[in-house]
PDB file of N, CA and C in Angstrom:
ATOM      1  N   MET A   1     -52.582  25.654   5.940  1.00  0.00           N
ATOM      2  CA  MET A   1     -52.786  25.111   7.303  1.00  0.00           C
ATOM      3  C   MET A   1     -52.242  24.710   8.257  1.00  0.00           C
ATOM      4  N   ALA A   2     -51.653  24.613   9.165  1.00  0.00           N
ATOM      5  CA  ALA A   2     -50.461  23.469  10.019  1.00  0.00           C
ATOM      6  C   ALA A   2     -51.237  22.312  10.553  1.00  0.00           C
ATOM      7  N   ILE A   3     -52.613  22.447  10.333  1.00  0.00           N
ATOM      8  CA  ILE A   3     -53.433  21.081  11.177  1.00  0.00           C
ATOM      9  C   ILE A   3     -53.707  20.191   9.925  1.00  0.00           C
ATOM     10  N   LYS A   4     -53.456  18.988   9.871  1.00  0.00           N
ATOM     11  CA  LYS A   4     -53.709  17.975   8.903  1.00  0.00           C
ATOM     12  C   LYS A   4     -54.912  17.172   9.529  1.00  0.00           C
ATOM     13  N   ILE A   5     -55.852  16.791   8.543  1.00  0.00           N
ATOM     14  CA  ILE A   5     -57.027  15.936   9.145  1.00  0.00           C
ATOM     15  C   ILE A   5     -57.210  14.569   8.242  1.00  0.00           C
ATOM     16  N   ASP A   6     -56.700  13.425   9.114  1.00  0.00           N
ATOM     17  CA  ASP A   6     -56.909  12.136   8.560  1.00  0.00           C
ATOM     18  C   ASP A   6     -57.982  11.310   8.566  1.00  0.00           C
ATOM     19  N   LEU A   7     -58.787  12.031   8.743  1.00  0.00           N
ATOM     20  CA  LEU A   7     -60.142  11.302   9.085  1.00  0.00           C
ATOM     21  C   LEU A   7     -60.525  10.423   8.328  1.00  0.00           C
ATOM     22  N   ASP A   8     -60.241  10.884   6.674  1.00  0.00           N
ATOM     23  CA  ASP A   8     -60.373   9.865   5.821  1.00  0.00           C
ATOM     24  C   ASP A   8     -59.832   8.642   5.920  1.00  0.00           C
ATOM     25  N   VAL A   9     -58.414   8.939   6.279  1.00  0.00           N
ATOM     26  CA  VAL A   9     -57.364   7.216   6.339  1.00  0.00           C
ATOM     27  C   VAL A   9     -57.994   6.657   7.415  1.00  0.00           C
ATOM     28  N   VAL A  10     -58.343   7.170   8.478  1.00  0.00           N
ATOM     29  CA  VAL A  10     -58.969   6.674   9.757  1.00  0.00           C
ATOM     30  C   VAL A  10     -60.498   5.797   9.455  1.00  0.00           C
ATOM     31  N   MET A  11     -61.104   6.513   8.350  1.00  0.00           N
ATOM     32  CA  MET A  11     -62.446   5.839   8.051  1.00  0.00           C
ATOM     33  C   MET A  11     -62.444   4.521   7.185  1.00  0.00           C
ATOM     34  N   ALA A  12     -61.029   4.668   6.284  1.00  0.00           N
ATOM     35  CA  ALA A  12     -60.850   3.278   5.514  1.00  0.00           C
ATOM     36  C   ALA A  12     -60.096   2.613   6.250  1.00  0.00           C
ATOM     37  N   GLN A  13     -59.738   2.983   7.144  1.00  0.00           N
ATOM     38  CA  GLN A  13     -58.883   1.360   8.216  1.00  0.00           C
ATOM     39  C   GLN A  13     -59.817   0.789   8.777  1.00  0.00           C
ATOM     40  N   LYS A  14     -61.247   1.989   9.262  1.00  0.00           N
ATOM     41  CA  LYS A  14     -62.131   1.011   9.985  1.00  0.00           C
ATOM     42  C   LYS A  14     -63.465   0.708   8.913  1.00  0.00           C
ATOM     43  N   LYS A  15     -63.441   0.861   8.006  1.00  0.00           N
ATOM     44  CA  LYS A  15     -64.344   0.723   6.848  1.00  0.00           C
ATOM     45  C   LYS A  15     -65.410   1.103   7.591  1.00  0.00           C
ATOM     46  N   VAL A  16     -65.521   2.516   7.595  1.00  0.00           N
ATOM     47  CA  VAL A  16     -66.718   3.520   8.187  1.00  0.00           C
ATOM     48  C   VAL A  16     -66.823   4.103   6.944  1.00  0.00           C
ATOM     49  N   THR A  17     -68.139   4.100   6.243  1.00  0.00           N
ATOM     50  CA  THR A  17     -68.613   5.370   5.598  1.00  0.00           C
ATOM     51  C   THR A  17     -69.017   6.642   6.303  1.00  0.00           C
ATOM     52  N   VAL A  18     -69.123   6.860   4.974  1.00  0.00           N
ATOM     53  CA  VAL A  18     -69.468   8.726   5.590  1.00  0.00           C
ATOM     54  C   VAL A  18     -71.435   8.753   5.989  1.00  0.00           C
ATOM     55  N   THR A  19     -71.526   8.274   5.481  1.00  0.00           N
ATOM     56  CA  THR A  19     -73.205   7.927   5.654  1.00  0.00           C
ATOM     57  C   THR A  19     -72.964   7.131   7.116  1.00  0.00           C
ATOM     58  N   GLN A  20     -72.545   5.845   7.509  1.00  0.00           N
ATOM     59  CA  GLN A  20     -72.289   5.419   9.044  1.00  0.00           C
ATOM     60  C   GLN A  20     -71.539   6.705   9.752  1.00  0.00           C
ATOM     61  N   LEU A  21     -70.401   6.976   9.477  1.00  0.00           N
ATOM     62  CA  LEU A  21     -70.157   8.135  10.502  1.00  0.00           C
ATOM     63  C   LEU A  21     -70.974   9.074  11.173  1.00  0.00           C
ATOM     64  N   SER A  22     -71.738   9.778  10.138  1.00  0.00           N
ATOM     65  CA  SER A  22     -72.616  10.492   9.742  1.00  0.00           C
ATOM     66  C   SER A  22     -73.851  10.412  10.960  1.00  0.00           C
ATOM     67  N   GLN A  23     -74.180   9.447  10.775  1.00  0.00           N
ATOM     68  CA  GLN A  23     -75.471   8.866  11.586  1.00  0.00           C
ATOM     69  C   GLN A  23     -75.164   8.434  12.891  1.00  0.00           C
ATOM     70  N   ALA A  24     -74.012   7.970  13.159  1.00  0.00           N
ATOM     71  CA  ALA A  24     -73.511   7.528  14.345  1.00  0.00           C
ATOM     72  C   ALA A  24     -72.934   8.866  15.549  1.00  0.00           C
ATOM     73  N   VAL A  25     -72.610   9.703  14.641  1.00  0.00           N
ATOM     74  CA  VAL A  25     -72.239  11.066  15.359  1.00  0.00           C
ATOM     75  C   VAL A  25     -73.448  11.996  15.409  1.00  0.00           C
ATOM     76  N   GLY A  26     -73.821  12.173  14.567  1.00  0.00           N
ATOM     77  CA  GLY A  26     -75.258  12.916  14.782  1.00  0.00           C
ATOM     78  C   GLY A  26     -74.768  14.317  14.192  1.00  0.00           C
ATOM     79  N   ILE A  27     -73.841  14.365  12.708  1.00  0.00           N
ATOM     80  CA  ILE A  27     -73.752  15.536  12.065  1.00  0.00           C
ATOM     81  C   ILE A  27     -74.182  15.197  10.734  1.00  0.00           C
ATOM     82  N   THR A  28     -73.986  15.875   9.857  1.00  0.00           N
ATOM     83  CA  THR A  28     -74.684  15.837   8.597  1.00  0.00           C
ATOM     84  C   THR A  28     -73.565  15.369   7.490  1.00  0.00           C
ATOM     85  N   MET A  29     -73.918  14.692   6.842  1.00  0.00           N
ATOM     86  CA  MET A  29     -72.673  14.213   5.875  1.00  0.00           C
ATOM     87  C   MET A  29     -71.755  15.017   5.168  1.00  0.00           C
ATOM     88  N   ALA A  30     -72.528  16.320   5.126  1.00  0.00           N
ATOM     89  CA  ALA A  30     -71.537  17.469   4.286  1.00  0.00           C
ATOM     90  C   ALA A  30     -70.745  17.785   5.310  1.00  0.00           C
ATOM     91  N   ASN A  31     -71.084  18.159   6.896  1.00  0.00           N
ATOM     92  CA  ASN A  31     -70.127  18.538   7.558  1.00  0.00           C
ATOM     93  C   ASN A  31     -69.186  17.246   7.488  1.00  0.00           C
ATOM     94  N   ILE A  32     -69.454  15.664   7.816  1.00  0.00           N
ATOM     95  CA  ILE A  32     -68.471  15.017   7.817  1.00  0.00           C
ATOM     96  C   ILE A  32     -67.086  15.494   6.754  1.00  0.00           C
ATOM     97  N   SER A  33     -67.809  15.096   5.139  1.00  0.00           N
ATOM     98  CA  SER A  33     -66.955  15.650   3.823  1.00  0.00           C
ATOM     99  C   SER A  33     -66.244  16.518   4.398  1.00  0.00           C
ATOM    100  N   ILE A  34     -66.459  17.407   4.833  1.00  0.00           N
ATOM    101  CA  ILE A  34     -65.886  19.075   5.147  1.00  0.00           C
ATOM    102  C   ILE A  34     -64.634  18.850   6.031  1.00  0.00           C
ATOM    103  N   LEU A  35     -65.203  17.840   7.228  1.00  0.00           N
ATOM    104  CA  LEU A  35     -63.662  17.409   7.722  1.00  0.00           C
ATOM    105  C   LEU A  35     -63.007  16.444   7.057  1.00  0.00           C
ATOM    106  N   LYS A  36     -63.286  15.344   6.320  1.00  0.00           N
ATOM    107  CA  LYS A  36     -62.513  14.462   5.595  1.00  0.00           C
ATOM    108  C   LYS A  36     -61.367  15.623   4.483  1.00  0.00           C
ATOM    109  N   THR A  37     -61.995  16.656   3.762  1.00  0.00           N
ATOM    110  CA  THR A  37     -61.165  16.975   2.669  1.00  0.00           C
ATOM    111  C   THR A  37     -60.265  18.112   3.494  1.00  0.00           C
ATOM    112  N   GLY A  38     -60.352  18.343   5.052  1.00  0.00           N
ATOM    113  CA  GLY A  38     -59.343  19.163   5.490  1.00  0.00           C
ATOM    114  C   GLY A  38     -60.024  20.508   5.473  1.00  0.00           C
ATOM    115  N   LYS A  39     -61.226  20.958   5.265  1.00  0.00           N
ATOM    116  CA  LYS A  39     -61.637  22.414   4.381  1.00  0.00           C
ATOM    117  C   LYS A  39     -62.033  23.060   6.134  1.00  0.00           C
ATOM    118  N   ALA A  40     -62.210  22.354   7.116  1.00  0.00           N
ATOM    119  CA  ALA A  40     -63.004  22.861   8.365  1.00  0.00           C
ATOM    120  C   ALA A  40     -62.083  23.492   9.010  1.00  0.00           C
ATOM    121  N   ARG A  41     -62.632  24.616   9.457  1.00  0.00           N
ATOM    122  CA  ARG A  41     -61.526  25.473  10.364  1.00  0.00           C
ATOM    123  C   ARG A  41     -61.563  25.150  12.003  1.00  0.00           C
ATOM    124  N   ALA A  42     -62.599  24.839  12.093  1.00  0.00           N
ATOM    125  CA  ALA A  42     -63.138  24.411  13.714  1.00  0.00           C
ATOM    126  C   ALA A  42     -63.729  23.155  13.941  1.00  0.00           C
ATOM    127  N   ILE A  43     -63.632  22.341  15.073  1.00  0.00           N
ATOM    128  CA  ILE A  43     -64.181  21.400  15.354  1.00  0.00           C
ATOM    129  C   ILE A  43     -64.814  21.219  16.805  1.00  0.00           C
ATOM    130  N   ARG A  44     -65.665  21.109  17.537  1.00  0.00           N
ATOM    131  CA  ARG A  44     -66.287  20.877  18.600  1.00  0.00           C
ATOM    132  C   ARG A  44     -65.426  19.723  19.231  1.00  0.00           C
ATOM    133  N   PHE A  45     -64.990  19.883  20.575  1.00  0.00           N
ATOM    134  CA  PHE A  45     -64.571  18.868  21.529  1.00  0.00           C
ATOM    135  C   PHE A  45     -65.704  17.705  21.426  1.00  0.00           C
ATOM    136  N   SER A  46     -66.995  18.216  21.427  1.00  0.00           N
ATOM    137  CA  SER A  46     -67.968  16.991  21.754  1.00  0.00           C
ATOM    138  C   SER A  46     -68.095  16.004  20.374  1.00  0.00           C
ATOM    139  N   THR A  47     -67.418  17.072  19.168  1.00  0.00           N
ATOM    140  CA  THR A  47     -67.944  16.270  18.086  1.00  0.00           C
ATOM    141  C   THR A  47     -66.681  15.213  17.613  1.00  0.00           C
ATOM    142  N   LEU A  48     -65.688  15.547  17.925  1.00  0.00           N
ATOM    143  CA  LEU A  48     -64.405  15.288  18.245  1.00  0.00           C
ATOM    144  C   LEU A  48     -64.456  13.946  19.041  1.00  0.00           C
ATOM    145  N   GLU A  49     -65.002  13.784  20.150  1.00  0.00           N
ATOM    146  CA  GLU A  49     -65.154  13.081  21.276  1.00  0.00           C
ATOM    147  C   GLU A  49     -65.568  12.102  20.464  1.00  0.00           C
ATOM    148  N   LYS A  50     -67.182  12.335  19.878  1.00  0.00           N
ATOM    149  CA  LYS A  50     -68.047  11.238  19.341  1.00  0.00           C
ATOM    150  C   LYS A  50     -67.396  10.815  18.023  1.00  0.00           C
ATOM    151  N   ILE A  51     -66.802  11.456  17.540  1.00  0.00           N
ATOM    152  CA  ILE A  51     -66.137  10.862  16.051  1.00  0.00           C
ATOM    153  C   ILE A  51     -65.167   9.674  17.000  1.00  0.00           C
ATOM    154  N   CYS A  52     -64.142   9.903  17.845  1.00  0.00           N
ATOM    155  CA  CYS A  52     -63.112   9.117  17.924  1.00  0.00           C
ATOM    156  C   CYS A  52     -63.617   8.119  18.711  1.00  0.00           C
ATOM    157  N   GLU A  53     -65.131   7.984  19.564  1.00  0.00           N
ATOM    158  CA  GLU A  53     -65.690   6.729  20.083  1.00  0.00           C
ATOM    159  C   GLU A  53     -66.156   5.941  18.507  1.00  0.00           C
ATOM    160  N   VAL A  54     -66.841   6.593  18.123  1.00  0.00           N
ATOM    161  CA  VAL A  54     -67.519   5.626  17.095  1.00  0.00           C
ATOM    162  C   VAL A  54     -66.219   4.995  16.161  1.00  0.00           C
ATOM    163  N   LEU A  55     -64.828   5.712  16.080  1.00  0.00           N
ATOM    164  CA  LEU A  55     -64.004   5.270  15.049  1.00  0.00           C
ATOM    165  C   LEU A  55     -63.031   4.052  16.019  1.00  0.00           C
ATOM    166  N   ASP A  56     -63.004   4.321  17.589  1.00  0.00           N
ATOM    167  CA  ASP A  56     -62.304   3.541  18.513  1.00  0.00           C
ATOM    168  C   ASP A  56     -60.724   3.987  18.172  1.00  0.00           C
ATOM    169  N   CYS A  57     -60.797   5.290  18.075  1.00  0.00           N
ATOM    170  CA  CYS A  57     -59.086   5.873  17.832  1.00  0.00           C
ATOM    171  C   CYS A  57     -59.249   7.284  19.190  1.00  0.00           C
ATOM    172  N   GLN A  58     -57.816   7.592  18.809  1.00  0.00           N
ATOM    173  CA  GLN A  58     -57.628   8.725  19.338  1.00  0.00           C
ATOM    174  C   GLN A  58     -57.342   9.899  18.589  1.00  0.00           C
ATOM    175  N   PRO A  59     -57.833  11.258  19.336  1.00  0.00           N
ATOM    176  CA  PRO A  59     -57.759  12.630  18.432  1.00  0.00           C
ATOM    177  C   PRO A  59     -56.508  12.482  17.541  1.00  0.00           C
ATOM    178  N   GLY A  60     -55.327  12.308  18.060  1.00  0.00           N
ATOM    179  CA  GLY A  60     -53.918  12.381  17.446  1.00  0.00           C
ATOM    180  C   GLY A  60     -53.990  11.472  16.096  1.00  0.00           C
ATOM    181  N   ASP A  61     -55.108  10.390  15.920  1.00  0.00           N
ATOM    182  CA  ASP A  61     -54.823   9.509  15.113  1.00  0.00           C
ATOM    183  C   ASP A  61     -55.792  10.357  13.657  1.00  0.00           C
ATOM    184  N   ILE A  62     -56.746  11.282  14.269  1.00  0.00           N
ATOM    185  CA  ILE A  62     -57.397  12.049  13.254  1.00  0.00           C
ATOM    186  C   ILE A  62     -56.702  13.300  13.041  1.00  0.00           C
ATOM    187  N   LEU A  63     -56.073  14.163  13.887  1.00  0.00           N
ATOM    188  CA  LEU A  63     -55.437  15.240  13.820  1.00  0.00           C
ATOM    189  C   LEU A  63     -54.096  15.553  13.896  1.00  0.00           C
ATOM    190  N   LYS A  64     -53.305  15.885  12.771  1.00  0.00           N
ATOM    191  CA  LYS A  64     -51.708  15.952  13.136  1.00  0.00           C
ATOM    192  C   LYS A  64     -51.078  17.190  12.847  1.00  0.00           C
ATOM    193  N   TYR A  65     -50.513  17.958  13.664  1.00  0.00           N
ATOM    194  CA  TYR A  65     -49.561  19.012  13.622  1.00  0.00           C
ATOM    195  C   TYR A  65     -48.822  19.027  12.343  1.00  0.00           C
ATOM    196  N   VAL A  66     -48.573  19.694  11.269  1.00  0.00           N
ATOM    197  CA  VAL A  66     -47.612  19.940  10.311  1.00  0.00           C
ATOM    198  C   VAL A  66     -46.850  21.243  10.025  1.00  0.00           C
ATOM    199  N   PRO A  67     -45.861  21.636  10.540  1.00  0.00           N
ATOM    200  CA  PRO A  67     -45.632  23.072  10.654  1.00  0.00           C
ATOM    201  C   PRO A  67     -45.658  23.226   8.613  1.00  0.00           C
ATOM    202  N   ASP A  68     -45.939  24.830   8.941  1.00  0.00           N
ATOM    203  CA  ASP A  68     -45.842  25.459   7.660  1.00  0.00           C
ATOM    204  C   ASP A  68     -44.352  25.367   6.760  1.00  0.00           C
ATOM    205  N   GLN A  69     -44.021  24.860   5.744  1.00  0.00           N
ATOM    206  CA  GLN A  69     -42.966  25.279   5.534  1.00  0.00           C
ATOM    207  C   GLN A  69     -42.247  26.619   5.360  1.00  0.00           C
ATOM    208  N   ALA A  70     -41.115  26.911   5.789  1.00  0.00           N
ATOM    209  CA  ALA A  70     -40.299  28.224   5.796  1.00  0.00           C
ATOM    210  C   ALA A  70     -40.018  28.798   4.667  1.00  0.00           C
ATOM    211  N   VAL A  71     -40.625  30.342   4.503  1.00  0.00           N
ATOM    212  CA  VAL A  71     -40.071  30.922   3.209  1.00  0.00           C
ATOM    213  C   VAL A  71     -38.474  31.479   3.310  1.00  0.00           C
ATOM    214  N   ASN A  72     -38.199  30.906   2.372  1.00  0.00           N
ATOM    215  CA  ASN A  72     -36.422  31.354   2.262  1.00  0.00           C
ATOM    216  C   ASN A  72     -36.820  33.291   1.992  1.00  0.00           C
TER     217      ASN A  72
END
């Protein structure tokens, strides 16, 4: 996938646990874990907005575009 999720990095920088983020955002710890591991296939803008609000960050701090390597 060309989108890399750095949620774990931002959470570590802000010293926020999965439990704390889950409670503050209002989604399950399992869904936070799915986001952290990069296994998510989609995220609602409302969820992204709340995560950014809680972590005091921008969406670009969490989501990065990394082009797939070209196959020769």
